[in-house]
Amino acid sequence: MNQILLTNNQYKKKKNNKYNGNNSGDMKKIIIFFSIAIIIFGIAIAGIYGYKIYKNQNKEEKSIARPELSLEETENEVKIIAKAEIGIDKIIYKWNEDEPVEKEMNGRTTNEEAMEIPEGENTLTVKVIDMNGEEIESNKEFYKEGDNEAPKLEIDEDLLVREGKIKIIATDENNKIKYITYKWNDDEETTIEAEDENQTSLETTIDVKRGQNTLKITAVNGVAKEKTLERNLKGVNEPKIDVTREANKIYMRITHDMGFKKVQFTVNGKEYVYDENFLGYDSEKQEIFYQFELKEGENTVIIYAVSNENTEKEYRGKCNYTAEE
């Protein structure tokens, strides 16, 4: 019996030991599983967070992208190099205190343009504006030694507003003048040649293209030296006023091909106004007529016209009238 009890006790002990061993192994497996799960979860969180940072950095880099601009000097020229990933809207440049020249780029992403450096000390200012309105500006000084063999070139703008024309004048007493070329924007070039090979000056009067345009003019002398000017001009015309008298009447005719904002008549102290407050006013009407009968004695008339181009013209006149019996 003792042997049987001993055997039974030993069996229970072994059974208990086996049960405890399995329990310990299961706990280790659970701990390992949760450890791996926590590591994988941490890696996932780190990856998501890292991707968000990377994405935000890319967004910031894209949002602060600005146009690029550089000015490179060669022997007699300066090259303007402009870039913009989103596209260039316009490039504006000027020499010294000259009128700025504005060129539309229409979304072009890169543009290179070379221009001649004027003689002497000069400052070039360039501004690049992209399609988002972001801009970059640069200015740089350039020096070019004078060339006594180059012709002189001038633009006379006295006729610009009055007649919509300008006069181009090229002179060279040493080497004579051979020809002048000019062109508007990217239009074809026009050449004006000297009639005499010994001419020391050459002049031509040209119509100014209506609106805002860039004019490039070059004068070339007998030894192939040249001088170039570039101007940004706005072609406009002032109103025309014609006043005539027939017998006892004054006839007035005011014309402008773009119409009128206002035409004001003052006849013998009485004022008549043709503008937006006048019944029947038409801003696109190109001709305005008015007439009045002369009174005995002195008569005065003042006409003031403003076109839709904001050009102005004034006329003042007087005459004496004696009525016939």
C-alpha atoms as a PDB file:
ATOM      1  CA  MET A   1       0.000   0.000   0.000  1.00  0.00           C
ATOM      2  CA  ASN A   2       2.804   2.364   0.841  1.00  0.00           C
ATOM      3  CA  GLN A   3       4.328   1.665  -2.525  1.00  0.00           C
ATOM      4  CA  ILE A   4       1.032   2.359  -4.252  1.00  0.00           C
ATOM      5  CA  LEU A   5       0.570   5.612  -2.340  1.00  0.00           C
ATOM      6  CA  LEU A   6       4.079   6.637  -3.158  1.00  0.00           C
ATOM      7  CA  THR A   7       3.529   5.901  -6.758  1.00  0.00           C
ATOM      8  CA  ASN A   8       0.300   7.871  -6.740  1.00  0.00           C
ATOM      9  CA  ASN A   9       1.964  10.814  -5.003  1.00  0.00           C
ATOM     10  CA  GLN A  10       4.821  10.772  -7.466  1.00  0.00           C
ATOM     11  CA  TYR A  11       2.303  10.731 -10.302  1.00  0.00           C
ATOM     12  CA  LYS A  12       0.466  13.765  -8.900  1.00  0.00           C
ATOM     13  CA  LYS A  13       3.737  15.601  -8.422  1.00  0.00           C
ATOM     14  CA  LYS A  14       4.831  14.958 -11.985  1.00  0.00           C
ATOM     15  CA  LYS A  15       1.418  15.975 -13.232  1.00  0.00           C
ATOM     16  CA  ASN A  16       1.576  19.233 -11.292  1.00  0.00           C
ATOM     17  CA  ASN A  17       5.092  19.908 -12.549  1.00  0.00           C
ATOM     18  CA  LYS A  18       3.930  19.366 -16.148  1.00  0.00           C
ATOM     19  CA  TYR A  19       1.006  21.729 -15.701  1.00  0.00           C
ATOM     20  CA  ASN A  20       3.197  24.484 -14.208  1.00  0.00           C
ATOM     21  CA  GLY A  21       5.730  24.151 -17.041  1.00  0.00           C
ATOM     22  CA  ASN A  22       3.102  24.601 -19.746  1.00  0.00           C
ATOM     23  CA  ASN A  23       1.693  27.662 -17.969  1.00  0.00           C
ATOM     24  CA  SER A  24       5.124  29.354 -17.906  1.00  0.00           C
ATOM     25  CA  GLY A  25       5.663  28.708 -21.631  1.00  0.00           C
ATOM     26  CA  ASP A  26       2.299  30.196 -22.540  1.00  0.00           C
ATOM     27  CA  MET A  27       3.096  33.367 -20.623  1.00  0.00           C
ATOM     28  CA  LYS A  28       6.376  33.767 -22.491  1.00  0.00           C
ATOM     29  CA  LYS A  29       4.588  33.410 -25.820  1.00  0.00           C
ATOM     30  CA  ILE A  30       2.018  36.036 -24.829  1.00  0.00           C
ATOM     31  CA  ILE A  31       4.739  38.456 -23.733  1.00  0.00           C
ATOM     32  CA  ILE A  32       6.683  37.929 -26.977  1.00  0.00           C
ATOM     33  CA  PHE A  33       3.518  38.426 -29.071  1.00  0.00           C
ATOM     34  CA  PHE A  34       2.628  41.709 -27.384  1.00  0.00           C
ATOM     35  CA  SER A  35       6.227  42.914 -27.614  1.00  0.00           C
ATOM     36  CA  ILE A  36       6.273  42.311 -31.365  1.00  0.00           C
ATOM     37  CA  ALA A  37       2.858  43.923 -31.760  1.00  0.00           C
ATOM     38  CA  ILE A  38       4.026  47.029 -29.870  1.00  0.00           C
ATOM     39  CA  ILE A  39       7.170  47.255 -32.031  1.00  0.00           C
ATOM     40  CA  ILE A  40       5.129  46.951 -35.262  1.00  0.00           C
ATOM     41  CA  PHE A  41       2.650  49.534 -34.009  1.00  0.00           C
ATOM     42  CA  GLY A  42       5.506  51.919 -33.142  1.00  0.00           C
ATOM     43  CA  ILE A  43       7.068  51.477 -36.572  1.00  0.00           C
ATOM     44  CA  ALA A  44       3.706  52.171 -38.220  1.00  0.00           C
ATOM     45  CA  ILE A  45       3.151  55.331 -36.168  1.00  0.00           C
ATOM     46  CA  ALA A  46       6.690  56.544 -36.948  1.00  0.00           C
ATOM     47  CA  GLY A  47       6.163  55.870 -40.669  1.00  0.00           C
ATOM     48  CA  ILE A  48       2.857  57.755 -40.781  1.00  0.00           C
ATOM     49  CA  TYR A  49       4.309  60.682 -38.850  1.00  0.00           C
ATOM     50  CA  GLY A  50       7.431  60.755 -41.019  1.00  0.00           C
ATOM     51  CA  TYR A  51       5.342  60.720 -44.226  1.00  0.00           C
ATOM     52  CA  LYS A  52       3.253  63.640 -42.956  1.00  0.00           C
ATOM     53  CA  ILE A  53       6.415  65.645 -42.199  1.00  0.00           C
ATOM     54  CA  TYR A  54       7.820  64.830 -45.660  1.00  0.00           C
ATOM     55  CA  LYS A  55       4.554  65.795 -47.336  1.00  0.00           C
ATOM     56  CA  ASN A  56       4.322  69.071 -45.421  1.00  0.00           C
ATOM     57  CA  GLN A  57       7.924  69.923 -46.296  1.00  0.00           C
ATOM     58  CA  ASN A  58       7.176  69.334 -49.971  1.00  0.00           C
ATOM     59  CA  LYS A  59       4.105  71.555 -49.739  1.00  0.00           C
ATOM     60  CA  GLU A  60       6.130  74.302 -48.076  1.00  0.00           C
ATOM     61  CA  GLU A  61       8.855  74.028 -50.701  1.00  0.00           C
ATOM     62  CA  LYS A  62       6.287  74.273 -53.497  1.00  0.00           C
ATOM     63  CA  SER A  63       4.432  77.156 -51.893  1.00  0.00           C
ATOM     64  CA  ILE A  64       7.552  79.318 -51.502  1.00  0.00           C
ATOM     65  CA  ALA A  65       8.909  78.682 -55.013  1.00  0.00           C
ATOM     66  CA  ARG A  66       9.855  82.073 -56.506  1.00  0.00           C
ATOM     67  CA  PRO A  67      11.001  83.159 -59.942  1.00  0.00           C
ATOM     68  CA  GLU A  68      14.736  83.212 -60.673  1.00  0.00           C
ATOM     69  CA  LEU A  69      16.702  86.018 -62.320  1.00  0.00           C
ATOM     70  CA  SER A  70      20.314  86.465 -63.370  1.00  0.00           C
ATOM     71  CA  LEU A  71      22.176  89.113 -65.403  1.00  0.00           C
ATOM     72  CA  GLU A  72      25.199  87.894 -67.372  1.00  0.00           C
ATOM     73  CA  GLU A  73      27.561  90.320 -69.075  1.00  0.00           C
ATOM     74  CA  THR A  74      29.385  89.609 -72.326  1.00  0.00           C
ATOM     75  CA  GLU A  75      31.670  91.936 -74.267  1.00  0.00           C
ATOM     76  CA  ASN A  76      29.076  94.503 -75.324  1.00  0.00           C
ATOM     77  CA  GLU A  77      25.831  92.943 -74.165  1.00  0.00           C
ATOM     78  CA  VAL A  78      24.005  91.840 -71.048  1.00  0.00           C
ATOM     79  CA  LYS A  79      21.897  88.691 -71.050  1.00  0.00           C
ATOM     80  CA  ILE A  80      18.731  88.561 -68.936  1.00  0.00           C
ATOM     81  CA  ILE A  81      17.954  84.995 -67.839  1.00  0.00           C
ATOM     82  CA  ALA A  82      14.564  84.480 -66.179  1.00  0.00           C
ATOM     83  CA  LYS A  83      12.941  81.287 -64.906  1.00  0.00           C
ATOM     84  CA  ALA A  84       9.692  80.441 -63.121  1.00  0.00           C
ATOM     85  CA  GLU A  85       8.282  76.963 -62.573  1.00  0.00           C
ATOM     86  CA  ILE A  86       4.733  78.228 -62.584  1.00  0.00           C
ATOM     87  CA  GLY A  87       5.366  80.389 -65.672  1.00  0.00           C
ATOM     88  CA  ILE A  88       6.508  83.966 -66.246  1.00  0.00           C
ATOM     89  CA  ASP A  89       3.819  86.624 -66.558  1.00  0.00           C
ATOM     90  CA  LYS A  90       6.019  89.560 -67.574  1.00  0.00           C
ATOM     91  CA  ILE A  91       9.538  90.982 -67.529  1.00  0.00           C
ATOM     92  CA  ILE A  92      10.080  94.689 -66.911  1.00  0.00           C
ATOM     93  CA  TYR A  93      13.457  96.368 -67.427  1.00  0.00           C
ATOM     94  CA  LYS A  94      14.930  99.834 -67.835  1.00  0.00           C
ATOM     95  CA  TRP A  95      18.295 101.513 -68.314  1.00  0.00           C
ATOM     96  CA  ASN A  96      19.056 104.277 -65.828  1.00  0.00           C
ATOM     97  CA  GLU A  97      16.028 106.604 -65.606  1.00  0.00           C
ATOM     98  CA  ASP A  98      14.570 105.692 -68.998  1.00  0.00           C
ATOM     99  CA  GLU A  99      10.945 104.623 -69.313  1.00  0.00           C
ATOM    100  CA  PRO A 100      10.507 100.954 -68.294  1.00  0.00           C
ATOM    101  CA  VAL A 101      10.043  98.412 -71.076  1.00  0.00           C
ATOM    102  CA  GLU A 102       7.430  95.742 -70.304  1.00  0.00           C
ATOM    103  CA  LYS A 103       7.328  92.424 -72.132  1.00  0.00           C
ATOM    104  CA  GLU A 104       4.553  89.846 -71.780  1.00  0.00           C
ATOM    105  CA  MET A 105       5.794  86.240 -71.423  1.00  0.00           C
ATOM    106  CA  ASN A 106       2.359  84.525 -71.389  1.00  0.00           C
ATOM    107  CA  GLY A 107       3.387  81.746 -68.974  1.00  0.00           C
ATOM    108  CA  ARG A 108       6.726  80.850 -70.548  1.00  0.00           C
ATOM    109  CA  THR A 109       8.833  79.043 -67.928  1.00  0.00           C
ATOM    110  CA  THR A 110      12.227  80.302 -69.170  1.00  0.00           C
ATOM    111  CA  ASN A 111      13.370  83.292 -71.180  1.00  0.00           C
ATOM    112  CA  GLU A 112      16.787  84.532 -72.265  1.00  0.00           C
ATOM    113  CA  GLU A 113      17.255  87.904 -73.884  1.00  0.00           C
ATOM    114  CA  ALA A 114      20.434  89.772 -74.799  1.00  0.00           C
ATOM    115  CA  MET A 115      20.627  93.540 -75.226  1.00  0.00           C
ATOM    116  CA  GLU A 116      23.345  96.004 -76.051  1.00  0.00           C
ATOM    117  CA  ILE A 117      24.901  97.963 -73.199  1.00  0.00           C
ATOM    118  CA  PRO A 118      24.687 101.741 -73.781  1.00  0.00           C
ATOM    119  CA  GLU A 119      27.893 103.736 -73.793  1.00  0.00           C
ATOM    120  CA  GLY A 120      29.258 105.018 -70.479  1.00  0.00           C
ATOM    121  CA  GLU A 121      28.139 104.088 -66.976  1.00  0.00           C
ATOM    122  CA  ASN A 122      24.674 102.573 -66.824  1.00  0.00           C
ATOM    123  CA  THR A 123      22.390 100.827 -64.355  1.00  0.00           C
ATOM    124  CA  LEU A 124      20.071  98.091 -65.558  1.00  0.00           C
ATOM    125  CA  THR A 125      17.019  97.298 -63.416  1.00  0.00           C
ATOM    126  CA  VAL A 126      15.063  94.133 -64.170  1.00  0.00           C
ATOM    127  CA  LYS A 127      11.917  92.736 -62.544  1.00  0.00           C
ATOM    128  CA  VAL A 128      10.432  89.281 -63.200  1.00  0.00           C
ATOM    129  CA  ILE A 129       6.805  88.551 -62.210  1.00  0.00           C
ATOM    130  CA  ASP A 130       5.407  85.008 -62.331  1.00  0.00           C
ATOM    131  CA  MET A 131       1.815  83.893 -62.946  1.00  0.00           C
ATOM    132  CA  ASN A 132       1.113  83.923 -59.158  1.00  0.00           C
ATOM    133  CA  GLY A 133       2.226  87.533 -58.845  1.00  0.00           C
ATOM    134  CA  GLU A 134       5.477  86.573 -57.100  1.00  0.00           C
ATOM    135  CA  GLU A 135       8.308  88.821 -58.235  1.00  0.00           C
ATOM    136  CA  ILE A 136      12.053  89.213 -58.068  1.00  0.00           C
ATOM    137  CA  GLU A 137      14.041  92.326 -58.927  1.00  0.00           C
ATOM    138  CA  SER A 138      17.704  92.890 -59.637  1.00  0.00           C
ATOM    139  CA  ASN A 139      19.825  95.856 -60.697  1.00  0.00           C
ATOM    140  CA  LYS A 140      23.401  95.911 -61.846  1.00  0.00           C
ATOM    141  CA  GLU A 141      25.849  98.495 -63.105  1.00  0.00           C
ATOM    142  CA  PHE A 142      27.529  98.169 -66.491  1.00  0.00           C
ATOM    143  CA  TYR A 143      30.177 100.233 -68.209  1.00  0.00           C
ATOM    144  CA  LYS A 144      30.936 100.459 -71.903  1.00  0.00           C
ATOM    145  CA  GLU A 145      33.621 102.605 -73.445  1.00  0.00           C
ATOM    146  CA  GLY A 146      32.360 105.210 -75.906  1.00  0.00           C
ATOM    147  CA  ASP A 147      32.825 104.562 -79.594  1.00  0.00           C
ATOM    148  CA  ASN A 148      33.388 107.788 -81.525  1.00  0.00           C
ATOM    149  CA  GLU A 149      32.735 105.940 -84.759  1.00  0.00           C
ATOM    150  CA  ALA A 150      29.124 105.117 -83.862  1.00  0.00           C
ATOM    151  CA  PRO A 151      26.400 107.457 -85.191  1.00  0.00           C
ATOM    152  CA  LYS A 152      24.167 109.560 -82.985  1.00  0.00           C
ATOM    153  CA  LEU A 153      20.504 108.615 -82.753  1.00  0.00           C
ATOM    154  CA  GLU A 154      17.617 110.662 -81.339  1.00  0.00           C
ATOM    155  CA  ILE A 155      13.828 110.382 -81.081  1.00  0.00           C
ATOM    156  CA  ASP A 156      11.732 113.560 -81.216  1.00  0.00           C
ATOM    157  CA  GLU A 157       8.350 112.988 -79.534  1.00  0.00           C
ATOM    158  CA  ASP A 158       6.922 116.495 -80.048  1.00  0.00           C
ATOM    159  CA  LEU A 159       4.397 115.187 -82.579  1.00  0.00           C
ATOM    160  CA  LEU A 160       3.385 112.142 -80.527  1.00  0.00           C
ATOM    161  CA  VAL A 161       0.212 113.433 -78.882  1.00  0.00           C
ATOM    162  CA  ARG A 162      -0.724 116.036 -81.466  1.00  0.00           C
ATOM    163  CA  GLU A 163      -0.401 113.873 -84.567  1.00  0.00           C
ATOM    164  CA  GLY A 164       0.399 110.363 -83.303  1.00  0.00           C
ATOM    165  CA  LYS A 165       3.858 110.474 -84.906  1.00  0.00           C
ATOM    166  CA  ILE A 166       7.522 110.628 -83.885  1.00  0.00           C
ATOM    167  CA  LYS A 167      10.622 111.810 -85.727  1.00  0.00           C
ATOM    168  CA  ILE A 168      13.780 109.678 -85.873  1.00  0.00           C
ATOM    169  CA  ILE A 169      17.034 111.593 -86.387  1.00  0.00           C
ATOM    170  CA  ALA A 170      20.423 109.952 -87.092  1.00  0.00           C
ATOM    171  CA  THR A 171      23.607 112.011 -87.561  1.00  0.00           C
ATOM    172  CA  ASP A 172      27.285 111.244 -88.187  1.00  0.00           C
ATOM    173  CA  GLU A 173      29.615 113.906 -89.566  1.00  0.00           C
ATOM    174  CA  ASN A 174      32.665 111.638 -89.664  1.00  0.00           C
ATOM    175  CA  ASN A 175      31.451 108.475 -91.373  1.00  0.00           C
ATOM    176  CA  LYS A 176      28.158 109.572 -92.919  1.00  0.00           C
ATOM    177  CA  ILE A 177      24.831 107.809 -92.470  1.00  0.00           C
ATOM    178  CA  LYS A 178      23.946 104.690 -94.423  1.00  0.00           C
ATOM    179  CA  TYR A 179      20.494 103.677 -93.186  1.00  0.00           C
ATOM    180  CA  ILE A 180      18.009 103.494 -90.289  1.00  0.00           C
ATOM    181  CA  THR A 181      15.946 100.460 -89.304  1.00  0.00           C
ATOM    182  CA  TYR A 182      12.988 100.323 -86.937  1.00  0.00           C
ATOM    183  CA  LYS A 183      10.369  97.819 -85.806  1.00  0.00           C
ATOM    184  CA  TRP A 184       7.415  97.667 -83.408  1.00  0.00           C
ATOM    185  CA  ASN A 185       7.410  94.751 -80.942  1.00  0.00           C
ATOM    186  CA  ASP A 186       8.030  91.579 -82.985  1.00  0.00           C
ATOM    187  CA  ASP A 187       6.803  93.019 -86.292  1.00  0.00           C
ATOM    188  CA  GLU A 188       8.897  93.009 -89.429  1.00  0.00           C
ATOM    189  CA  GLU A 189      11.760  95.490 -89.607  1.00  0.00           C
ATOM    190  CA  THR A 190      11.491  98.588 -91.835  1.00  0.00           C
ATOM    191  CA  THR A 191      14.620 100.106 -93.430  1.00  0.00           C
ATOM    192  CA  ILE A 192      15.071 103.754 -94.445  1.00  0.00           C
ATOM    193  CA  GLU A 193      18.167 104.193 -96.615  1.00  0.00           C
ATOM    194  CA  ALA A 194      20.097 107.402 -97.234  1.00  0.00           C
ATOM    195  CA  GLU A 195      19.670 108.751-100.767  1.00  0.00           C
ATOM    196  CA  ASP A 196      23.213 110.153-100.864  1.00  0.00           C
ATOM    197  CA  GLU A 197      26.275 108.197 -99.711  1.00  0.00           C
ATOM    198  CA  ASN A 198      27.726 111.440 -98.312  1.00  0.00           C
ATOM    199  CA  GLN A 199      24.726 112.263 -96.120  1.00  0.00           C
ATOM    200  CA  THR A 200      25.683 113.325 -92.606  1.00  0.00           C
ATOM    201  CA  SER A 201      22.118 113.062 -91.290  1.00  0.00           C
ATOM    202  CA  LEU A 202      18.985 111.063 -92.002  1.00  0.00           C
ATOM    203  CA  GLU A 203      15.503 111.836 -90.686  1.00  0.00           C
ATOM    204  CA  THR A 204      12.202 110.028 -90.967  1.00  0.00           C
ATOM    205  CA  THR A 205       8.783 110.561 -89.394  1.00  0.00           C
ATOM    206  CA  ILE A 206       6.714 107.479 -88.569  1.00  0.00           C
ATOM    207  CA  ASP A 207       3.246 106.777 -87.207  1.00  0.00           C
ATOM    208  CA  VAL A 208       3.184 105.536 -83.636  1.00  0.00           C
ATOM    209  CA  LYS A 209       1.341 102.259 -83.222  1.00  0.00           C
ATOM    210  CA  ARG A 210      -1.783 102.747 -81.134  1.00  0.00           C
ATOM    211  CA  GLY A 211      -1.649 101.479 -77.549  1.00  0.00           C
ATOM    212  CA  GLN A 212       1.430 100.485 -75.525  1.00  0.00           C
ATOM    213  CA  ASN A 213       4.244  99.184 -77.749  1.00  0.00           C
ATOM    214  CA  THR A 214       8.019  98.776 -77.853  1.00  0.00           C
ATOM    215  CA  LEU A 215       9.944 100.507 -80.633  1.00  0.00           C
ATOM    216  CA  LYS A 216      13.486  99.452 -81.518  1.00  0.00           C
ATOM    217  CA  ILE A 217      15.549 101.757 -83.766  1.00  0.00           C
ATOM    218  CA  THR A 218      19.041 101.225 -85.179  1.00  0.00           C
ATOM    219  CA  ALA A 219      21.192 103.681 -87.150  1.00  0.00           C
ATOM    220  CA  VAL A 220      24.132 102.363 -89.202  1.00  0.00           C
ATOM    221  CA  ASN A 221      26.933 104.497 -90.640  1.00  0.00           C
ATOM    222  CA  GLY A 222      29.325 104.024 -93.541  1.00  0.00           C
ATOM    223  CA  VAL A 223      31.812 101.908 -91.581  1.00  0.00           C
ATOM    224  CA  ALA A 224      29.099  99.526 -90.305  1.00  0.00           C
ATOM    225  CA  LYS A 225      29.075 100.993 -86.793  1.00  0.00           C
ATOM    226  CA  GLU A 226      25.625 101.179 -85.301  1.00  0.00           C
ATOM    227  CA  LYS A 227      23.639 102.804 -82.533  1.00  0.00           C
ATOM    228  CA  THR A 228      20.430 101.286 -81.127  1.00  0.00           C
ATOM    229  CA  LEU A 229      17.660 102.826 -79.045  1.00  0.00           C
ATOM    230  CA  GLU A 230      14.629 101.107 -77.560  1.00  0.00           C
ATOM    231  CA  ARG A 231      11.579 102.975 -76.305  1.00  0.00           C
ATOM    232  CA  ASN A 232       8.254 101.985 -74.762  1.00  0.00           C
ATOM    233  CA  LEU A 233       5.704 104.310 -76.386  1.00  0.00           C
ATOM    234  CA  LYS A 234       1.965 104.728 -76.121  1.00  0.00           C
ATOM    235  CA  GLY A 235       0.342 105.781 -79.365  1.00  0.00           C
ATOM    236  CA  VAL A 236      -2.485 108.287 -78.858  1.00  0.00           C
ATOM    237  CA  ASN A 237      -4.112 111.111 -80.828  1.00  0.00           C
ATOM    238  CA  GLU A 238      -5.564 114.344 -79.539  1.00  0.00           C
ATOM    239  CA  PRO A 239      -8.982 115.527 -80.753  1.00  0.00           C
ATOM    240  CA  LYS A 240      -9.223 117.636 -83.897  1.00  0.00           C
ATOM    241  CA  ILE A 241     -11.265 120.852 -83.880  1.00  0.00           C
ATOM    242  CA  ASP A 242     -12.362 122.633 -87.055  1.00  0.00           C
ATOM    243  CA  VAL A 243     -14.187 125.980 -86.856  1.00  0.00           C
ATOM    244  CA  THR A 244     -15.534 127.731 -89.956  1.00  0.00           C
ATOM    245  CA  ARG A 245     -17.695 130.787 -90.582  1.00  0.00           C
ATOM    246  CA  GLU A 246     -20.317 131.214 -93.270  1.00  0.00           C
ATOM    247  CA  ALA A 247     -22.288 134.428 -93.408  1.00  0.00           C
ATOM    248  CA  ASN A 248     -23.795 134.876 -89.942  1.00  0.00           C
ATOM    249  CA  LYS A 249     -23.123 131.391 -88.624  1.00  0.00           C
ATOM    250  CA  ILE A 250     -20.228 129.557 -86.970  1.00  0.00           C
ATOM    251  CA  TYR A 251     -19.848 125.811 -87.620  1.00  0.00           C
ATOM    252  CA  MET A 252     -17.813 123.612 -85.281  1.00  0.00           C
ATOM    253  CA  ARG A 253     -16.671 120.038 -85.970  1.00  0.00           C
ATOM    254  CA  ILE A 254     -14.767 117.979 -83.346  1.00  0.00           C
ATOM    255  CA  THR A 255     -13.415 114.520 -84.277  1.00  0.00           C
ATOM    256  CA  HIS A 256     -11.504 111.658 -82.664  1.00  0.00           C
ATOM    257  CA  ASP A 257     -11.308 108.048 -83.834  1.00  0.00           C
ATOM    258  CA  MET A 258     -11.751 106.668 -80.296  1.00  0.00           C
ATOM    259  CA  GLY A 259     -14.735 108.807 -79.281  1.00  0.00           C
ATOM    260  CA  PHE A 260     -15.152 111.371 -76.506  1.00  0.00           C
ATOM    261  CA  LYS A 261     -15.495 111.566 -72.759  1.00  0.00           C
ATOM    262  CA  LYS A 262     -16.469 115.206 -72.902  1.00  0.00           C
ATOM    263  CA  VAL A 263     -16.865 118.124 -75.331  1.00  0.00           C
ATOM    264  CA  GLN A 264     -17.575 121.560 -73.863  1.00  0.00           C
ATOM    265  CA  PHE A 265     -18.665 124.621 -75.890  1.00  0.00           C
ATOM    266  CA  THR A 266     -18.675 128.145 -74.476  1.00  0.00           C
ATOM    267  CA  VAL A 267     -20.310 130.554 -76.913  1.00  0.00           C
ATOM    268  CA  ASN A 268     -20.593 134.226 -75.916  1.00  0.00           C
ATOM    269  CA  GLY A 269     -20.479 133.204 -72.259  1.00  0.00           C
ATOM    270  CA  LYS A 270     -23.053 130.398 -72.498  1.00  0.00           C
ATOM    271  CA  GLU A 271     -21.866 126.858 -71.831  1.00  0.00           C
ATOM    272  CA  TYR A 272     -23.011 123.657 -73.532  1.00  0.00           C
ATOM    273  CA  VAL A 273     -21.618 120.279 -72.459  1.00  0.00           C
ATOM    274  CA  TYR A 274     -21.683 116.957 -74.285  1.00  0.00           C
ATOM    275  CA  ASP A 275     -20.854 114.184 -71.795  1.00  0.00           C
ATOM    276  CA  GLU A 276     -22.452 111.248 -69.959  1.00  0.00           C
ATOM    277  CA  ASN A 277     -25.074 113.582 -68.459  1.00  0.00           C
ATOM    278  CA  PHE A 278     -26.249 114.710 -71.906  1.00  0.00           C
ATOM    279  CA  LEU A 279     -29.362 113.033 -73.281  1.00  0.00           C
ATOM    280  CA  GLY A 280     -28.316 110.967 -76.274  1.00  0.00           C
ATOM    281  CA  TYR A 281     -24.630 110.880 -75.301  1.00  0.00           C
ATOM    282  CA  ASP A 282     -22.639 108.186 -77.132  1.00  0.00           C
ATOM    283  CA  SER A 283     -19.039 107.690 -75.959  1.00  0.00           C
ATOM    284  CA  GLU A 284     -18.099 105.961 -79.224  1.00  0.00           C
ATOM    285  CA  LYS A 285     -19.343 108.758 -81.457  1.00  0.00           C
ATOM    286  CA  GLN A 286     -16.360 110.012 -83.468  1.00  0.00           C
ATOM    287  CA  GLU A 287     -17.748 113.328 -84.737  1.00  0.00           C
ATOM    288  CA  ILE A 288     -19.518 116.097 -82.816  1.00  0.00           C
ATOM    289  CA  PHE A 289     -21.129 119.042 -84.673  1.00  0.00           C
ATOM    290  CA  TYR A 290     -22.385 122.324 -83.274  1.00  0.00           C
ATOM    291  CA  GLN A 291     -23.382 125.635 -84.806  1.00  0.00           C
ATOM    292  CA  PHE A 292     -24.638 129.035 -83.655  1.00  0.00           C
ATOM    293  CA  GLU A 293     -25.686 132.332 -85.141  1.00  0.00           C
ATOM    294  CA  LEU A 294     -23.472 135.352 -84.660  1.00  0.00           C
ATOM    295  CA  LYS A 295     -24.749 138.254 -82.658  1.00  0.00           C
ATOM    296  CA  GLU A 296     -24.118 141.895 -83.460  1.00  0.00           C
ATOM    297  CA  GLY A 297     -20.637 142.932 -82.335  1.00  0.00           C
ATOM    298  CA  GLU A 298     -17.947 140.662 -80.875  1.00  0.00           C
ATOM    299  CA  ASN A 299     -18.489 136.941 -80.627  1.00  0.00           C
ATOM    300  CA  THR A 300     -16.319 134.497 -78.675  1.00  0.00           C
ATOM    301  CA  VAL A 301     -16.116 130.728 -78.766  1.00  0.00           C
ATOM    302  CA  ILE A 302     -14.153 128.279 -76.582  1.00  0.00           C
ATOM    303  CA  ILE A 303     -14.116 124.542 -77.300  1.00  0.00           C
ATOM    304  CA  TYR A 304     -12.595 122.002 -74.910  1.00  0.00           C
ATOM    305  CA  ALA A 305     -12.558 118.304 -75.915  1.00  0.00           C
ATOM    306  CA  VAL A 306     -11.387 115.204 -74.001  1.00  0.00           C
ATOM    307  CA  SER A 307     -11.067 111.917 -75.910  1.00  0.00           C
ATOM    308  CA  ASN A 308     -11.469 108.385 -74.562  1.00  0.00           C
ATOM    309  CA  GLU A 309      -7.648 108.189 -74.639  1.00  0.00           C
ATOM    310  CA  ASN A 310      -7.607 111.100 -72.136  1.00  0.00           C
ATOM    311  CA  THR A 311      -5.982 113.382 -74.699  1.00  0.00           C
ATOM    312  CA  GLU A 312      -7.188 116.999 -74.668  1.00  0.00           C
ATOM    313  CA  LYS A 313      -7.543 119.850 -77.140  1.00  0.00           C
ATOM    314  CA  GLU A 314      -8.707 123.425 -76.652  1.00  0.00           C
ATOM    315  CA  TYR A 315      -9.711 126.046 -79.204  1.00  0.00           C
ATOM    316  CA  ARG A 316     -10.293 129.778 -78.534  1.00  0.00           C
ATOM    317  CA  GLY A 317     -11.524 132.225 -81.135  1.00  0.00           C
ATOM    318  CA  LYS A 318     -13.376 135.491 -81.600  1.00  0.00           C
ATOM    319  CA  CYS A 319     -14.856 137.510 -84.440  1.00  0.00           C
ATOM    320  CA  ASN A 320     -16.876 140.669 -85.015  1.00  0.00           C
ATOM    321  CA  TYR A 321     -20.172 140.634 -86.841  1.00  0.00           C
ATOM    322  CA  THR A 322     -22.171 143.485 -88.291  1.00  0.00           C
ATOM    323  CA  ALA A 323     -25.617 142.594 -89.490  1.00  0.00           C
ATOM    324  CA  GLU A 324     -26.430 143.594 -93.078  1.00  0.00           C
ATOM    325  CA  GLU A 325     -29.467 145.770 -93.596  1.00  0.00           C
END
